[in-house]
Amino acid sequence: MPPHTPLEVYTVTWCPHCVNLLSWLDQEGIPYRNHDVDASDADWQVALRLTGGIDIVPVVERCGQAVWGAFTPSLQARVRGLAALAPARP
């Protein structure tokens, strides 16, 4: 997995925290792949697994680690930490 592997982001279109997160990621130039969990039950199941069954968005994952919750400075810091993670070696 190359170091530029994007974040996996699980969102819904109607959530202001999700919209703000995606806008912030774009502004920061942090690469990500967005998964609309309203449009895909499979993506929703992944998001639920990542949160341990907690029904919440946004969820951000990279290198097997995930963070989730309201778009706050705390979430921004945790997302920056995920974006900086070195991928695990095979």
PDB file of N, CA and C in Angstrom:
ATOM      1  N   MET A   1       0.845  -1.168   0.000  1.00  0.00           N
ATOM      2  CA  MET A   1       0.000   0.000   0.000  1.00  0.00           C
ATOM      3  C   MET A   1       0.897   1.238   0.000  1.00  0.00           C
ATOM      4  N   PRO A   2       0.827   2.084  -1.002  1.00  0.00           N
ATOM      5  CA  PRO A   2       1.692   3.256  -1.058  1.00  0.00           C
ATOM      6  C   PRO A   2       1.296   4.291  -0.003  1.00  0.00           C
ATOM      7  N   PRO A   3       2.226   5.170   0.390  1.00  0.00           N
ATOM      8  CA  PRO A   3       1.936   6.148   1.433  1.00  0.00           C
ATOM      9  C   PRO A   3       0.832   7.123   1.058  1.00  0.00           C
ATOM     10  N   HIS A   4       0.531   7.255  -0.215  1.00  0.00           N
ATOM     11  CA  HIS A   4      -0.510   8.198  -0.631  1.00  0.00           C
ATOM     12  C   HIS A   4      -1.894   7.548  -0.692  1.00  0.00           C
ATOM     13  N   THR A   5      -2.036   6.371  -0.088  1.00  0.00           N
ATOM     14  CA  THR A   5      -3.335   5.703  -0.060  1.00  0.00           C
ATOM     15  C   THR A   5      -4.364   6.661   0.525  1.00  0.00           C
ATOM     16  N   PRO A   6      -5.462   6.880  -0.173  1.00  0.00           N
ATOM     17  CA  PRO A   6      -6.447   7.846   0.330  1.00  0.00           C
ATOM     18  C   PRO A   6      -7.198   7.329   1.547  1.00  0.00           C
ATOM     19  N   LEU A   7      -7.769   8.267   2.276  1.00  0.00           N
ATOM     20  CA  LEU A   7      -8.673   7.918   3.361  1.00  0.00           C
ATOM     21  C   LEU A   7      -9.938   7.327   2.764  1.00  0.00           C
ATOM     22  N   GLU A   8     -10.564   6.427   3.492  1.00  0.00           N
ATOM     23  CA  GLU A   8     -11.887   5.924   3.132  1.00  0.00           C
ATOM     24  C   GLU A   8     -12.870   6.669   4.026  1.00  0.00           C
ATOM     25  N   VAL A   9     -13.799   7.386   3.400  1.00  0.00           N
ATOM     26  CA  VAL A   9     -14.722   8.242   4.144  1.00  0.00           C
ATOM     27  C   VAL A   9     -16.140   7.754   3.888  1.00  0.00           C
ATOM     28  N   TYR A  10     -16.894   7.568   4.958  1.00  0.00           N
ATOM     29  CA  TYR A  10     -18.275   7.078   4.888  1.00  0.00           C
ATOM     30  C   TYR A  10     -19.194   8.195   5.353  1.00  0.00           C
ATOM     31  N   THR A  11     -20.082   8.645   4.456  1.00  0.00           N
ATOM     32  CA  THR A  11     -20.911   9.809   4.714  1.00  0.00           C
ATOM     33  C   THR A  11     -22.327   9.599   4.181  1.00  0.00           C
ATOM     34  N   VAL A  12     -23.179  10.597   4.443  1.00  0.00           N
ATOM     35  CA  VAL A  12     -24.487  10.724   3.802  1.00  0.00           C
ATOM     36  C   VAL A  12     -24.601  12.161   3.304  1.00  0.00           C
ATOM     37  N   THR A  13     -25.368  12.365   2.261  1.00  0.00           N
ATOM     38  CA  THR A  13     -25.430  13.684   1.625  1.00  0.00           C
ATOM     39  C   THR A  13     -26.138  14.729   2.476  1.00  0.00           C
ATOM     40  N   TRP A  14     -27.031  14.320   3.358  1.00  0.00           N
ATOM     41  CA  TRP A  14     -27.844  15.250   4.130  1.00  0.00           C
ATOM     42  C   TRP A  14     -27.236  15.646   5.473  1.00  0.00           C
ATOM     43  N   CYS A  15     -26.084  15.120   5.807  1.00  0.00           N
ATOM     44  CA  CYS A  15     -25.446  15.374   7.105  1.00  0.00           C
ATOM     45  C   CYS A  15     -24.501  16.573   7.015  1.00  0.00           C
ATOM     46  N   PRO A  16     -24.767  17.646   7.780  1.00  0.00           N
ATOM     47  CA  PRO A  16     -23.877  18.819   7.708  1.00  0.00           C
ATOM     48  C   PRO A  16     -22.444  18.502   8.147  1.00  0.00           C
ATOM     49  N   HIS A  17     -22.266  17.583   9.098  1.00  0.00           N
ATOM     50  CA  HIS A  17     -20.906  17.218   9.518  1.00  0.00           C
ATOM     51  C   HIS A  17     -20.160  16.523   8.383  1.00  0.00           C
ATOM     52  N   CYS A  18     -20.876  15.702   7.621  1.00  0.00           N
ATOM     53  CA  CYS A  18     -20.278  15.016   6.474  1.00  0.00           C
ATOM     54  C   CYS A  18     -19.898  16.023   5.390  1.00  0.00           C
ATOM     55  N   VAL A  19     -20.812  16.931   5.080  1.00  0.00           N
ATOM     56  CA  VAL A  19     -20.561  17.953   4.063  1.00  0.00           C
ATOM     57  C   VAL A  19     -19.357  18.805   4.462  1.00  0.00           C
ATOM     58  N   ASN A  20     -19.300  19.209   5.725  1.00  0.00           N
ATOM     59  CA  ASN A  20     -18.177  20.033   6.188  1.00  0.00           C
ATOM     60  C   ASN A  20     -16.869  19.260   6.155  1.00  0.00           C
ATOM     61  N   LEU A  21     -16.902  17.977   6.522  1.00  0.00           N
ATOM     62  CA  LEU A  21     -15.691  17.156   6.467  1.00  0.00           C
ATOM     63  C   LEU A  21     -15.168  17.057   5.040  1.00  0.00           C
ATOM     64  N   LEU A  22     -16.042  16.735   4.097  1.00  0.00           N
ATOM     65  CA  LEU A  22     -15.609  16.590   2.705  1.00  0.00           C
ATOM     66  C   LEU A  22     -15.047  17.903   2.161  1.00  0.00           C
ATOM     67  N   SER A  23     -15.694  19.011   2.488  1.00  0.00           N
ATOM     68  CA  SER A  23     -15.196  20.322   2.050  1.00  0.00           C
ATOM     69  C   SER A  23     -13.814  20.599   2.640  1.00  0.00           C
ATOM     70  N   TRP A  24     -13.641  20.299   3.921  1.00  0.00           N
ATOM     71  CA  TRP A  24     -12.363  20.510   4.585  1.00  0.00           C
ATOM     72  C   TRP A  24     -11.273  19.630   3.976  1.00  0.00           C
ATOM     73  N   LEU A  25     -11.588  18.352   3.712  1.00  0.00           N
ATOM     74  CA  LEU A  25     -10.602  17.469   3.080  1.00  0.00           C
ATOM     75  C   LEU A  25     -10.165  18.022   1.726  1.00  0.00           C
ATOM     76  N   ASP A  26     -11.122  18.531   0.958  1.00  0.00           N
ATOM     77  CA  ASP A  26     -10.788  19.145  -0.338  1.00  0.00           C
ATOM     78  C   ASP A  26      -9.888  20.359  -0.149  1.00  0.00           C
ATOM     79  N   GLN A  27     -10.232  21.225   0.794  1.00  0.00           N
ATOM     80  CA  GLN A  27      -9.436  22.436   1.053  1.00  0.00           C
ATOM     81  C   GLN A  27      -8.018  22.084   1.502  1.00  0.00           C
ATOM     82  N   GLU A  28      -7.893  21.033   2.287  1.00  0.00           N
ATOM     83  CA  GLU A  28      -6.589  20.619   2.807  1.00  0.00           C
ATOM     84  C   GLU A  28      -5.783  19.801   1.798  1.00  0.00           C
ATOM     85  N   GLY A  29      -6.419  19.374   0.716  1.00  0.00           N
ATOM     86  CA  GLY A  29      -5.737  18.545  -0.274  1.00  0.00           C
ATOM     87  C   GLY A  29      -5.463  17.137   0.221  1.00  0.00           C
ATOM     88  N   ILE A  30      -6.271  16.658   1.157  1.00  0.00           N
ATOM     89  CA  ILE A  30      -6.101  15.313   1.693  1.00  0.00           C
ATOM     90  C   ILE A  30      -6.873  14.350   0.792  1.00  0.00           C
ATOM     91  N   PRO A  31      -6.201  13.377   0.184  1.00  0.00           N
ATOM     92  CA  PRO A  31      -6.890  12.457  -0.720  1.00  0.00           C
ATOM     93  C   PRO A  31      -7.837  11.518   0.034  1.00  0.00           C
ATOM     94  N   TYR A  32      -9.005  11.285  -0.567  1.00  0.00           N
ATOM     95  CA  TYR A  32      -9.992  10.401   0.047  1.00  0.00           C
ATOM     96  C   TYR A  32     -10.883   9.802  -1.027  1.00  0.00           C
ATOM     97  N   ARG A  33     -11.538   8.710  -0.641  1.00  0.00           N
ATOM     98  CA  ARG A  33     -12.601   8.100  -1.441  1.00  0.00           C
ATOM     99  C   ARG A  33     -13.858   8.166  -0.593  1.00  0.00           C
ATOM    100  N   ASN A  34     -14.895   8.796  -1.120  1.00  0.00           N
ATOM    101  CA  ASN A  34     -16.132   8.927  -0.377  1.00  0.00           C
ATOM    102  C   ASN A  34     -17.082   7.779  -0.699  1.00  0.00           C
ATOM    103  N   HIS A  35     -17.721   7.248   0.344  1.00  0.00           N
ATOM    104  CA  HIS A  35     -18.715   6.194   0.213  1.00  0.00           C
ATOM    105  C   HIS A  35     -20.023   6.717   0.803  1.00  0.00           C
ATOM    106  N   ASP A  36     -21.045   6.888  -0.031  1.00  0.00           N
ATOM    107  CA  ASP A  36     -22.357   7.343   0.428  1.00  0.00           C
ATOM    108  C   ASP A  36     -23.099   6.142   0.993  1.00  0.00           C
ATOM    109  N   VAL A  37     -23.222   6.084   2.324  1.00  0.00           N
ATOM    110  CA  VAL A  37     -23.822   4.908   2.949  1.00  0.00           C
ATOM    111  C   VAL A  37     -25.333   4.835   2.737  1.00  0.00           C
ATOM    112  N   ASP A  38     -25.958   5.948   2.330  1.00  0.00           N
ATOM    113  CA  ASP A  38     -27.377   5.896   1.953  1.00  0.00           C
ATOM    114  C   ASP A  38     -27.560   5.169   0.627  1.00  0.00           C
ATOM    115  N   ALA A  39     -26.561   5.232  -0.218  1.00  0.00           N
ATOM    116  CA  ALA A  39     -26.652   4.637  -1.558  1.00  0.00           C
ATOM    117  C   ALA A  39     -26.174   3.190  -1.600  1.00  0.00           C
ATOM    118  N   SER A  40     -25.479   2.740  -0.559  1.00  0.00           N
ATOM    119  CA  SER A  40     -24.903   1.393  -0.584  1.00  0.00           C
ATOM    120  C   SER A  40     -24.989   0.741   0.788  1.00  0.00           C
ATOM    121  N   ASP A  41     -25.792  -0.298   0.891  1.00  0.00           N
ATOM    122  CA  ASP A  41     -25.886  -1.028   2.155  1.00  0.00           C
ATOM    123  C   ASP A  41     -24.549  -1.679   2.501  1.00  0.00           C
ATOM    124  N   ALA A  42     -23.814  -2.119   1.502  1.00  0.00           N
ATOM    125  CA  ALA A  42     -22.502  -2.732   1.760  1.00  0.00           C
ATOM    126  C   ALA A  42     -21.570  -1.715   2.428  1.00  0.00           C
ATOM    127  N   ASP A  43     -21.572  -0.468   1.929  1.00  0.00           N
ATOM    128  CA  ASP A  43     -20.744   0.572   2.552  1.00  0.00           C
ATOM    129  C   ASP A  43     -21.226   0.880   3.963  1.00  0.00           C
ATOM    130  N   TRP A  44     -22.541   0.874   4.179  1.00  0.00           N
ATOM    131  CA  TRP A  44     -23.087   1.109   5.508  1.00  0.00           C
ATOM    132  C   TRP A  44     -22.625   0.019   6.471  1.00  0.00           C
ATOM    133  N   GLN A  45     -22.596  -1.213   6.015  1.00  0.00           N
ATOM    134  CA  GLN A  45     -22.138  -2.320   6.862  1.00  0.00           C
ATOM    135  C   GLN A  45     -20.661  -2.158   7.218  1.00  0.00           C
ATOM    136  N   VAL A  46     -19.861  -1.687   6.266  1.00  0.00           N
ATOM    137  CA  VAL A  46     -18.438  -1.430   6.550  1.00  0.00           C
ATOM    138  C   VAL A  46     -18.322  -0.350   7.623  1.00  0.00           C
ATOM    139  N   ALA A  47     -19.072   0.747   7.462  1.00  0.00           N
ATOM    140  CA  ALA A  47     -19.024   1.842   8.440  1.00  0.00           C
ATOM    141  C   ALA A  47     -19.432   1.347   9.821  1.00  0.00           C
ATOM    142  N   LEU A  48     -20.472   0.540   9.898  1.00  0.00           N
ATOM    143  CA  LEU A  48     -20.905  -0.007  11.188  1.00  0.00           C
ATOM    144  C   LEU A  48     -19.830  -0.888  11.815  1.00  0.00           C
ATOM    145  N   ARG A  49     -19.157  -1.696  11.004  1.00  0.00           N
ATOM    146  CA  ARG A  49     -18.058  -2.527  11.530  1.00  0.00           C
ATOM    147  C   ARG A  49     -16.937  -1.645  12.087  1.00  0.00           C
ATOM    148  N   LEU A  50     -16.620  -0.579  11.365  1.00  0.00           N
ATOM    149  CA  LEU A  50     -15.530   0.303  11.794  1.00  0.00           C
ATOM    150  C   LEU A  50     -15.824   0.983  13.124  1.00  0.00           C
ATOM    151  N   THR A  51     -17.108   1.285  13.387  1.00  0.00           N
ATOM    152  CA  THR A  51     -17.484   1.971  14.620  1.00  0.00           C
ATOM    153  C   THR A  51     -17.889   1.010  15.740  1.00  0.00           C
ATOM    154  N   GLY A  52     -17.797  -0.274  15.483  1.00  0.00           N
ATOM    155  CA  GLY A  52     -18.223  -1.239  16.484  1.00  0.00           C
ATOM    156  C   GLY A  52     -19.736  -1.276  16.645  1.00  0.00           C
ATOM    157  N   GLY A  53     -20.446  -0.920  15.572  1.00  0.00           N
ATOM    158  CA  GLY A  53     -21.909  -0.971  15.594  1.00  0.00           C
ATOM    159  C   GLY A  53     -22.583   0.344  15.927  1.00  0.00           C
ATOM    160  N   ILE A  54     -21.817   1.394  16.138  1.00  0.00           N
ATOM    161  CA  ILE A  54     -22.391   2.705  16.431  1.00  0.00           C
ATOM    162  C   ILE A  54     -22.939   3.310  15.147  1.00  0.00           C
ATOM    163  N   ASP A  55     -24.190   3.737  15.189  1.00  0.00           N
ATOM    164  CA  ASP A  55     -24.900   4.314  14.038  1.00  0.00           C
ATOM    165  C   ASP A  55     -24.532   5.792  13.940  1.00  0.00           C
ATOM    166  N   ILE A  56     -23.428   6.098  13.221  1.00  0.00           N
ATOM    167  CA  ILE A  56     -22.937   7.471  13.150  1.00  0.00           C
ATOM    168  C   ILE A  56     -22.179   7.698  11.849  1.00  0.00           C
ATOM    169  N   VAL A  57     -22.230   8.894  11.343  1.00  0.00           N
ATOM    170  CA  VAL A  57     -21.389   9.372  10.249  1.00  0.00           C
ATOM    171  C   VAL A  57     -20.958  10.790  10.599  1.00  0.00           C
ATOM    172  N   PRO A  58     -19.882  11.281  10.063  1.00  0.00           N
ATOM    173  CA  PRO A  58     -18.961  10.608   9.169  1.00  0.00           C
ATOM    174  C   PRO A  58     -18.041   9.630   9.904  1.00  0.00           C
ATOM    175  N   VAL A  59     -17.545   8.671   9.113  1.00  0.00           N
ATOM    176  CA  VAL A  59     -16.548   7.704   9.571  1.00  0.00           C
ATOM    177  C   VAL A  59     -15.378   7.811   8.598  1.00  0.00           C
ATOM    178  N   VAL A  60     -14.174   7.868   9.139  1.00  0.00           N
ATOM    179  CA  VAL A  60     -12.974   7.980   8.313  1.00  0.00           C
ATOM    180  C   VAL A  60     -12.026   6.846   8.701  1.00  0.00           C
ATOM    181  N   GLU A  61     -11.527   6.118   7.696  1.00  0.00           N
ATOM    182  CA  GLU A  61     -10.646   4.978   7.958  1.00  0.00           C
ATOM    183  C   GLU A  61      -9.422   5.028   7.064  1.00  0.00           C
ATOM    184  N   ARG A  62      -8.311   4.573   7.608  1.00  0.00           N
ATOM    185  CA  ARG A  62      -7.080   4.379   6.834  1.00  0.00           C
ATOM    186  C   ARG A  62      -6.175   3.444   7.622  1.00  0.00           C
ATOM    187  N   CYS A  63      -5.533   2.544   6.934  1.00  0.00           N
ATOM    188  CA  CYS A  63      -4.565   1.620   7.538  1.00  0.00           C
ATOM    189  C   CYS A  63      -5.165   0.836   8.696  1.00  0.00           C
ATOM    190  N   GLY A  64      -6.459   0.515   8.593  1.00  0.00           N
ATOM    191  CA  GLY A  64      -7.096  -0.286   9.623  1.00  0.00           C
ATOM    192  C   GLY A  64      -7.531   0.478  10.855  1.00  0.00           C
ATOM    193  N   GLN A  65      -7.333   1.779  10.885  1.00  0.00           N
ATOM    194  CA  GLN A  65      -7.746   2.606  12.020  1.00  0.00           C
ATOM    195  C   GLN A  65      -8.867   3.531  11.574  1.00  0.00           C
ATOM    196  N   ALA A  66      -9.827   3.765  12.467  1.00  0.00           N
ATOM    197  CA  ALA A  66     -10.977   4.587  12.116  1.00  0.00           C
ATOM    198  C   ALA A  66     -11.277   5.612  13.200  1.00  0.00           C
ATOM    199  N   VAL A  67     -11.824   6.741  12.752  1.00  0.00           N
ATOM    200  CA  VAL A  67     -12.333   7.787  13.639  1.00  0.00           C
ATOM    201  C   VAL A  67     -13.698   8.189  13.115  1.00  0.00           C
ATOM    202  N   TRP A  68     -14.525   8.727  13.998  1.00  0.00           N
ATOM    203  CA  TRP A  68     -15.867   9.123  13.576  1.00  0.00           C
ATOM    204  C   TRP A  68     -16.402  10.161  14.547  1.00  0.00           C
ATOM    205  N   GLY A  69     -17.480  10.818  14.101  1.00  0.00           N
ATOM    206  CA  GLY A  69     -18.158  11.772  14.971  1.00  0.00           C
ATOM    207  C   GLY A  69     -18.381  13.103  14.298  1.00  0.00           C
ATOM    208  N   ALA A  70     -18.852  14.043  15.097  1.00  0.00           N
ATOM    209  CA  ALA A  70     -19.160  15.385  14.604  1.00  0.00           C
ATOM    210  C   ALA A  70     -17.901  16.058  14.079  1.00  0.00           C
ATOM    211  N   PHE A  71     -18.090  16.911  13.078  1.00  0.00           N
ATOM    212  CA  PHE A  71     -16.962  17.640  12.495  1.00  0.00           C
ATOM    213  C   PHE A  71     -16.567  18.772  13.443  1.00  0.00           C
ATOM    214  N   THR A  72     -15.545  18.512  14.217  1.00  0.00           N
ATOM    215  CA  THR A  72     -15.029  19.439  15.223  1.00  0.00           C
ATOM    216  C   THR A  72     -13.513  19.529  15.055  1.00  0.00           C
ATOM    217  N   PRO A  73     -12.867  20.475  15.748  1.00  0.00           N
ATOM    218  CA  PRO A  73     -11.400  20.497  15.707  1.00  0.00           C
ATOM    219  C   PRO A  73     -10.780  19.177  16.172  1.00  0.00           C
ATOM    220  N   SER A  74     -11.419  18.503  17.110  1.00  0.00           N
ATOM    221  CA  SER A  74     -10.904  17.204  17.575  1.00  0.00           C
ATOM    222  C   SER A  74     -10.934  16.179  16.447  1.00  0.00           C
ATOM    223  N   LEU A  75     -12.041  16.113  15.708  1.00  0.00           N
ATOM    224  CA  LEU A  75     -12.111  15.175  14.580  1.00  0.00           C
ATOM    225  C   LEU A  75     -11.086  15.557  13.513  1.00  0.00           C
ATOM    226  N   GLN A  76     -10.948  16.850  13.242  1.00  0.00           N
ATOM    227  CA  GLN A  76      -9.954  17.290  12.257  1.00  0.00           C
ATOM    228  C   GLN A  76      -8.563  16.786  12.652  1.00  0.00           C
ATOM    229  N   ALA A  77      -8.208  16.919  13.919  1.00  0.00           N
ATOM    230  CA  ALA A  77      -6.887  16.470  14.381  1.00  0.00           C
ATOM    231  C   ALA A  77      -6.743  14.963  14.221  1.00  0.00           C
ATOM    232  N   ARG A  78      -7.794  14.213  14.548  1.00  0.00           N
ATOM    233  CA  ARG A  78      -7.724  12.753  14.419  1.00  0.00           C
ATOM    234  C   ARG A  78      -7.634  12.339  12.950  1.00  0.00           C
ATOM    235  N   VAL A  79      -8.333  13.055  12.067  1.00  0.00           N
ATOM    236  CA  VAL A  79      -8.258  12.753  10.633  1.00  0.00           C
ATOM    237  C   VAL A  79      -6.863  13.069  10.104  1.00  0.00           C
ATOM    238  N   ARG A  80      -6.284  14.186  10.539  1.00  0.00           N
ATOM    239  CA  ARG A  80      -4.905  14.510  10.143  1.00  0.00           C
ATOM    240  C   ARG A  80      -3.956  13.387  10.570  1.00  0.00           C
ATOM    241  N   GLY A  81      -4.172  12.839  11.748  1.00  0.00           N
ATOM    242  CA  GLY A  81      -3.354  11.729  12.226  1.00  0.00           C
ATOM    243  C   GLY A  81      -3.486  10.506  11.331  1.00  0.00           C
ATOM    244  N   LEU A  82      -4.712  10.204  10.921  1.00  0.00           N
ATOM    245  CA  LEU A  82      -4.913   9.079   9.997  1.00  0.00           C
ATOM    246  C   LEU A  82      -4.222   9.337   8.663  1.00  0.00           C
ATOM    247  N   ALA A  83      -4.336  10.553   8.170  1.00  0.00           N
ATOM    248  CA  ALA A  83      -3.755  10.890   6.867  1.00  0.00           C
ATOM    249  C   ALA A  83      -2.222  10.756   6.920  1.00  0.00           C
ATOM    250  N   ALA A  84      -1.635  10.949   8.093  1.00  0.00           N
ATOM    251  CA  ALA A  84      -0.183  10.876   8.231  1.00  0.00           C
ATOM    252  C   ALA A  84       0.333   9.473   8.517  1.00  0.00           C
ATOM    253  N   LEU A  85      -0.568   8.521   8.779  1.00  0.00           N
ATOM    254  CA  LEU A  85      -0.136   7.159   9.103  1.00  0.00           C
ATOM    255  C   LEU A  85       0.660   6.535   7.966  1.00  0.00           C
ATOM    256  N   ALA A  86       1.719   5.868   8.337  1.00  0.00           N
ATOM    257  CA  ALA A  86       2.449   5.068   7.342  1.00  0.00           C
ATOM    258  C   ALA A  86       1.703   3.765   7.187  1.00  0.00           C
ATOM    259  N   PRO A  87       1.543   3.292   5.963  1.00  0.00           N
ATOM    260  CA  PRO A  87       0.855   2.020   5.774  1.00  0.00           C
ATOM    261  C   PRO A  87       1.625   0.870   6.399  1.00  0.00           C
ATOM    262  N   ALA A  88       0.904  -0.139   6.826  1.00  0.00           N
ATOM    263  CA  ALA A  88       1.531  -1.329   7.393  1.00  0.00           C
ATOM    264  C   ALA A  88       2.299  -2.078   6.325  1.00  0.00           C
ATOM    265  N   ARG A  89       3.406  -2.643   6.708  1.00  0.00           N
ATOM    266  CA  ARG A  89       4.203  -3.437   5.774  1.00  0.00           C
ATOM    267  C   ARG A  89       3.617  -4.847   5.684  1.00  0.00           C
ATOM    268  N   PRO A  90       3.570  -5.396   4.463  1.00  0.00           N
ATOM    269  CA  PRO A  90       3.013  -6.762   4.311  1.00  0.00           C
ATOM    270  C   PRO A  90       3.891  -7.808   4.968  1.00  0.00           C
TER     271      PRO A  90
END
